[in-house]
Each structure stands twice: as C-alpha cells, then as structure tokens.
Amino acid sequence: MANVRPSGQVIYKNDERVVLVTGGAQGIGHAIATSFVESGARVISLDLGDHSESTSSESKIETLRCDVTDTEACEAVIKHVLGKYQAIDVLVNNAAIQPVESYHPIHQLDESVIRRMTDVNLLGYLRMARLVLPIMLQQKSGVIVNLASGQAHRTAREVGVYGPIKSANVMQTRQWAVEYARQGVRVVSVSPGAIDTPMVRASLEAQGGEASLANRHPIGRIGKPEEVASAVLWLASDDAAFVTGTDLEVDGGLGAFGAFADPY
C-alpha cells in the first residue's frame, strides 16, 4: 500500500522512489538503473532496444521502449508510469548518441547527423523534463539529473557538435535549478570523463585504441559505468539536499589536468 507525505507526494513501503532513466539499456544508463534498484527504488528504464546487459537486479527494472525524440512516445510513457506508481521522484536524462560519423570538422558533417544528435542529446532532455516537471511541482519534490560530459568543459578536435550540446546540458541544469529550486525540485548534472561503454568503445576503434585516452586521465585509466552511477545516486539522494545547479565532474582528474585533446 502507498503512503502519502504531507506534501501530497505518494511514496511506497521503505520510502521507495520512482526513478526514470533514459538510455537505460546499456553502459552508464544501465549502471544507473541497476544502482537505483539496489538502493530500493522502483526503476523504469527507457530505451530504443532491449537490455543487452544482465545483472541480478535485472528483473526489478521495468523496461519500456521509448524514443526520446518522439514527443507522443514520451507522453505515453509518462502517463503509464504515473498511472502505475502515482509519482515520479527522479528523472535521469542519460540517453545520448555520439555516432562515429560525427567525428569530423563541422563543415564535413551531414546535416542529418547534426539534427539527430541535437534531437537526442539536447531536445530529448528538454522533452522529458517538460513532461516530468509538472508532476514534481505538484509533489513539491523531485530531482532531475542530466548526464553531460567532460567535453562540456574542454574540447577536442572533431567533436564540434557533441561538445557544444553537452555544454548546453550543463546550462540546462543551471537554468532549471534556478527556475524550480523554491518549488522543491533540484536539478544537477554529471560530467563523466571517458567511461568504458559501448559508445566509447566504438569511438576508440575509430580513433586508434584505449591507451592514449587512458593516459589523458591523471588516474591513468578510463572510468567504469558504476563509478558514474554512484555519483548520480548520491546527487539524487537526500544526502545531497542542499545541492542544486551543480555539475559534478566524474573524470579521473581530467578537468584538473586541463587537456582533453592531444597537443597539436
């Protein structure tokens, strides 16, 4: 049976939160979904495909097919989740693409690639936030976590679309945080360095292997999805109740080192 907080927000036994994770089928998104399940949350993973990674927590993750570029599909998912759980406590905007064909100077990029990346990586975050925010405002509580990137803060050659969009994700975080802070909604972002995910593996194959990328991080390796998930879990928790509008770099010291790209 559900209980109700004084604010009107519906909660469940053991204070289980209702968490939406976009792009939850693999990589960082899957690690985030799994970590929330293990913390006791009710997790809904949204993705274009089925889960390709298996964990002991898998059966506790509700997986729904959803394209974040399709407004009607996003609306249908939110309606389903709200009807089933009567609340949405956390939204993790994680779904993003960085296709191999995007690794070119912008004058060599097909406009279809630019539009697709913008629709997923920037407008996808906006679509989901616009649908979830009215629910959180009615609850007078909620957390939105936007996955940005180290490339939001420092650039490299041939990422002229991905980097600026990720920088915009950080500014989305700040703007929404200021807009909704006094209405009980926190908004934060995480900027990972290079993390061992299928998307990064694909880019490594296109750019010549892992060793040089690992060496750019002072820690001497690329990160693990679970390390990003731990940061997201903390930011979404009550332990971070005084944290909003903040971007946390989970990057093995890359930001302190100050160089994402190899020297010319």
Protein backbone atom coordinates (compact mmCIF):
# COMPACT_ATOMS: atom_id res chain seq x y z
CA MET A 1 0.00 0.00 0.00
CA ALA A 2 1.15 3.51 -0.74
CA ASN A 3 1.58 6.18 1.91
CA VAL A 4 1.34 9.93 1.37
CA ARG A 5 3.81 12.55 2.57
CA PRO A 6 2.42 15.82 3.98
CA SER A 7 3.41 17.50 0.69
CA GLY A 8 1.00 15.18 -1.10
CA GLN A 9 3.70 13.09 -2.73
CA VAL A 10 2.92 9.39 -2.95
CA ILE A 11 5.58 7.06 -1.54
CA TYR A 12 5.85 3.31 -1.10
CA LYS A 13 6.92 0.95 1.60
CA ASN A 14 10.54 1.54 2.64
CA ASP A 15 10.34 5.01 1.02
CA GLU A 16 10.95 3.52 -2.44
CA ARG A 17 11.41 6.24 -5.02
CA VAL A 18 10.13 6.06 -8.57
CA VAL A 19 13.04 6.64 -10.94
CA LEU A 20 13.07 7.09 -14.72
CA VAL A 21 16.35 6.50 -16.55
CA THR A 22 16.54 7.29 -20.26
CA GLY A 23 19.01 5.28 -22.31
CA GLY A 24 18.97 2.60 -19.63
CA ALA A 25 19.70 -0.44 -21.79
CA GLN A 26 23.48 -0.38 -21.59
CA GLY A 27 26.55 1.49 -20.44
CA ILE A 28 26.17 4.30 -17.92
CA GLY A 29 22.37 4.23 -18.08
CA HIS A 30 22.21 0.55 -17.25
CA ALA A 31 24.62 1.00 -14.34
CA ILE A 32 22.49 3.88 -13.02
CA ALA A 33 19.27 1.86 -13.29
CA THR A 34 20.86 -1.09 -11.51
CA SER A 35 22.27 1.08 -8.72
CA PHE A 36 18.88 2.66 -8.04
CA VAL A 37 17.22 -0.77 -7.93
CA GLU A 38 19.80 -1.96 -5.43
CA SER A 39 19.07 1.11 -3.28
CA GLY A 40 15.40 0.10 -3.10
CA ALA A 41 13.95 2.32 -5.82
CA ARG A 42 11.33 1.38 -8.40
CA VAL A 43 13.16 1.90 -11.69
CA ILE A 44 11.76 2.37 -15.16
CA SER A 45 14.39 2.13 -17.89
CA LEU A 46 13.56 3.83 -21.19
CA ASP A 47 15.41 2.86 -24.33
CA LEU A 48 15.06 2.05 -28.00
CA GLY A 49 16.09 -1.58 -27.54
CA ASP A 50 16.11 -4.42 -25.04
CA HIS A 51 18.59 -4.67 -22.22
CA SER A 52 21.82 -6.14 -23.54
CA GLU A 53 23.49 -6.37 -20.12
CA SER A 54 22.29 -8.79 -17.46
CA THR A 55 22.52 -8.30 -13.69
CA SER A 56 20.95 -9.87 -10.65
CA SER A 57 18.79 -6.76 -10.35
CA GLU A 58 17.50 -7.03 -13.91
CA SER A 59 14.10 -8.50 -13.07
CA LYS A 60 13.36 -5.50 -10.84
CA ILE A 61 13.88 -2.96 -13.66
CA GLU A 62 10.80 -2.19 -15.72
CA THR A 63 11.96 -1.69 -19.30
CA LEU A 64 9.87 0.39 -21.69
CA ARG A 65 10.62 1.14 -25.30
CA CYS A 66 10.79 4.91 -25.83
CA ASP A 67 12.41 7.19 -28.38
CA VAL A 68 13.21 10.49 -26.64
CA THR A 69 12.88 12.29 -30.00
CA ASP A 70 9.20 11.25 -30.20
CA THR A 71 7.05 13.52 -28.05
CA GLU A 72 3.99 11.27 -28.23
CA ALA A 73 6.03 8.23 -27.16
CA CYS A 74 7.45 10.18 -24.21
CA GLU A 75 3.97 11.33 -23.20
CA ALA A 76 2.69 7.76 -23.33
CA VAL A 77 5.50 6.53 -21.09
CA ILE A 78 4.93 9.27 -18.52
CA LYS A 79 1.19 8.53 -18.50
CA HIS A 80 1.89 4.82 -17.94
CA VAL A 81 4.36 5.43 -15.11
CA LEU A 82 2.14 7.95 -13.37
CA GLY A 83 -0.87 5.65 -13.66
CA LYS A 84 1.06 2.75 -12.18
CA TYR A 85 3.05 4.48 -9.43
CA GLN A 86 1.25 7.83 -8.91
CA ALA A 87 4.61 9.59 -8.60
CA ILE A 88 7.91 10.30 -10.34
CA ASP A 89 10.68 11.16 -7.90
CA VAL A 90 13.79 11.14 -10.08
CA LEU A 91 14.43 11.66 -13.78
CA VAL A 92 17.86 10.75 -15.11
CA ASN A 93 18.37 12.25 -18.56
CA ASN A 94 21.03 9.91 -19.90
CA ALA A 95 20.05 8.94 -23.46
CA ALA A 96 22.64 10.36 -25.85
CA ILE A 97 24.42 9.50 -29.06
CA GLN A 98 27.87 10.24 -30.45
CA PRO A 99 27.98 8.28 -33.72
CA VAL A 100 31.31 7.51 -35.33
CA GLU A 101 30.25 9.52 -38.38
CA SER A 102 30.08 12.64 -36.19
CA TYR A 103 33.87 12.67 -35.69
CA HIS A 104 34.63 15.23 -38.38
CA PRO A 105 35.04 19.01 -38.59
CA ILE A 106 31.59 20.56 -38.81
CA HIS A 107 31.98 21.58 -42.46
CA GLN A 108 32.26 17.88 -43.33
CA LEU A 109 29.21 16.76 -41.34
CA ASP A 110 25.96 15.80 -42.97
CA GLU A 111 23.15 17.93 -41.58
CA SER A 112 21.13 14.82 -40.77
CA VAL A 113 23.81 13.81 -38.23
CA ILE A 114 23.73 17.25 -36.63
CA ARG A 115 19.95 17.23 -36.39
CA ARG A 116 19.81 13.72 -34.94
CA MET A 117 22.41 14.49 -32.26
CA THR A 118 20.63 17.71 -31.33
CA ASP A 119 17.25 15.97 -31.16
CA VAL A 120 18.50 13.20 -28.88
CA ASN A 121 21.18 14.87 -26.77
CA LEU A 122 19.62 18.29 -26.24
CA LEU A 123 15.92 18.30 -27.08
CA GLY A 124 15.47 14.80 -25.64
CA TYR A 125 16.48 16.16 -22.21
CA LEU A 126 14.10 19.08 -22.64
CA ARG A 127 11.17 16.87 -23.71
CA MET A 128 11.47 14.60 -20.73
CA ALA A 129 11.94 17.45 -18.27
CA ARG A 130 8.88 19.32 -19.58
CA LEU A 131 6.73 16.22 -19.05
CA VAL A 132 8.08 15.30 -15.62
CA LEU A 133 8.31 18.76 -14.07
CA PRO A 134 4.53 19.32 -13.66
CA ILE A 135 4.40 16.06 -11.69
CA MET A 136 7.33 17.06 -9.48
CA LEU A 137 5.87 20.53 -8.93
CA GLN A 138 2.59 19.00 -7.79
CA GLN A 139 4.53 16.70 -5.45
CA LYS A 140 6.65 19.66 -4.29
CA SER A 141 9.68 17.44 -4.62
CA GLY A 142 11.84 15.74 -7.23
CA VAL A 143 15.31 15.51 -8.71
CA ILE A 144 16.44 15.75 -12.31
CA VAL A 145 19.94 14.51 -13.12
CA ASN A 146 21.33 15.42 -16.53
CA LEU A 147 24.26 13.44 -17.92
CA ALA A 148 26.62 15.91 -19.55
CA SER A 149 30.26 15.16 -20.41
CA GLY A 150 33.84 16.18 -19.85
CA GLN A 151 33.54 17.55 -23.37
CA ALA A 152 31.14 20.15 -21.98
CA HIS A 153 34.14 21.76 -20.27
CA ARG A 154 37.08 21.15 -22.60
CA THR A 155 37.13 20.21 -26.21
CA ALA A 156 39.00 18.11 -28.76
CA ARG A 157 39.20 18.07 -32.49
CA GLU A 158 36.25 16.62 -34.43
CA VAL A 159 33.63 16.88 -31.66
CA GLY A 160 32.16 20.16 -32.86
CA VAL A 161 28.56 19.05 -32.34
CA TYR A 162 28.73 16.76 -29.31
CA GLY A 163 30.82 19.12 -27.16
CA PRO A 164 28.65 22.22 -27.57
CA ILE A 165 25.49 20.19 -26.95
CA LYS A 166 26.92 18.75 -23.76
CA SER A 167 27.85 22.26 -22.67
CA ALA A 168 24.20 23.18 -23.25
CA ASN A 169 23.18 20.26 -20.98
CA VAL A 170 25.14 21.91 -18.16
CA MET A 171 23.41 25.23 -18.82
CA GLN A 172 20.03 23.45 -18.89
CA THR A 173 20.88 22.16 -15.42
CA ARG A 174 21.68 25.62 -14.09
CA GLN A 175 18.64 27.23 -15.66
CA TRP A 176 16.17 24.62 -14.44
CA ALA A 177 17.76 24.58 -10.99
CA VAL A 178 17.24 28.32 -10.59
CA GLU A 179 13.73 28.12 -12.02
CA TYR A 180 12.42 25.39 -9.72
CA ALA A 181 14.58 25.44 -6.57
CA ARG A 182 11.96 27.08 -4.36
CA GLN A 183 9.30 24.68 -5.56
CA GLY A 184 11.07 21.63 -4.17
CA VAL A 185 12.78 20.41 -7.34
CA ARG A 186 16.55 20.00 -7.54
CA VAL A 187 18.41 19.79 -10.86
CA VAL A 188 22.02 18.61 -11.11
CA SER A 189 24.33 17.22 -13.75
CA VAL A 190 27.26 14.83 -14.01
CA SER A 191 30.10 15.21 -16.50
CA PRO A 192 31.94 11.91 -16.94
CA GLY A 193 35.36 11.58 -18.46
CA ALA A 194 35.96 8.64 -20.78
CA ILE A 195 33.93 5.71 -19.45
CA ASP A 196 34.10 2.10 -20.60
CA THR A 197 30.81 1.92 -22.53
CA PRO A 198 29.83 0.60 -25.97
CA MET A 199 29.66 4.17 -27.30
CA VAL A 200 33.18 4.97 -26.10
CA ARG A 201 34.47 1.63 -27.39
CA ALA A 202 33.11 2.47 -30.83
CA SER A 203 34.83 5.85 -30.80
CA LEU A 204 38.09 4.29 -29.59
CA GLU A 205 38.06 1.91 -32.52
CA ALA A 206 37.60 4.88 -34.82
CA GLN A 207 40.39 6.87 -33.17
CA GLY A 208 43.08 4.31 -32.50
CA GLY A 209 42.70 2.49 -29.20
CA GLU A 210 42.35 2.94 -25.46
CA ALA A 211 45.91 3.56 -24.25
CA SER A 212 46.27 7.18 -25.33
CA LEU A 213 42.83 8.09 -23.99
CA ALA A 214 43.51 6.41 -20.63
CA ASN A 215 46.76 8.32 -20.29
CA ARG A 216 44.98 11.65 -20.63
CA HIS A 217 43.30 10.98 -17.29
CA PRO A 218 45.65 11.61 -14.32
CA ILE A 219 44.26 8.48 -12.66
CA GLY A 220 45.73 6.54 -15.60
CA ARG A 221 42.65 4.70 -16.84
CA ILE A 222 39.20 5.27 -18.22
CA GLY A 223 36.26 5.07 -15.83
CA LYS A 224 33.66 2.43 -15.08
CA PRO A 225 29.91 2.96 -15.55
CA GLU A 226 29.35 2.02 -11.92
CA GLU A 227 31.56 4.92 -10.81
CA VAL A 228 29.31 7.38 -12.61
CA ALA A 229 26.23 5.63 -11.23
CA SER A 230 27.48 6.08 -7.66
CA ALA A 231 27.76 9.83 -8.22
CA VAL A 232 24.25 10.00 -9.70
CA LEU A 233 22.84 8.00 -6.79
CA TRP A 234 24.35 10.41 -4.27
CA LEU A 235 23.21 13.53 -6.13
CA ALA A 236 19.65 12.18 -6.23
CA SER A 237 19.66 11.26 -2.54
CA ASP A 238 18.58 13.27 0.49
CA ASP A 239 22.26 13.49 1.45
CA ALA A 240 22.58 15.99 -1.41
CA ALA A 241 19.51 18.01 -0.40
CA PHE A 242 21.48 21.30 -0.47
CA VAL A 243 22.97 20.60 -3.90
CA THR A 244 21.29 22.06 -6.98
CA GLY A 245 22.50 23.73 -10.16
CA THR A 246 25.80 21.88 -9.79
CA ASP A 247 27.75 19.88 -12.35
CA LEU A 248 29.90 17.11 -10.87
CA GLU A 249 32.87 16.01 -12.98
CA VAL A 250 33.47 12.28 -12.57
CA ASP A 251 36.54 12.21 -14.76
CA GLY A 252 39.60 10.70 -13.11
CA GLY A 253 41.16 14.14 -12.74
CA LEU A 254 40.81 15.07 -16.40
CA GLY A 255 39.40 18.50 -15.56
CA ALA A 256 42.26 19.26 -13.19
CA PHE A 257 44.76 18.20 -15.83
CA GLY A 258 43.05 20.57 -18.24
CA ALA A 259 43.55 18.88 -21.61
CA PHE A 260 41.03 16.62 -23.28
CA ALA A 261 42.76 16.67 -26.64
CA ASP A 262 46.29 15.62 -27.53
CA PRO A 263 48.56 18.59 -28.30
CA TYR A 264 48.68 19.66 -31.92
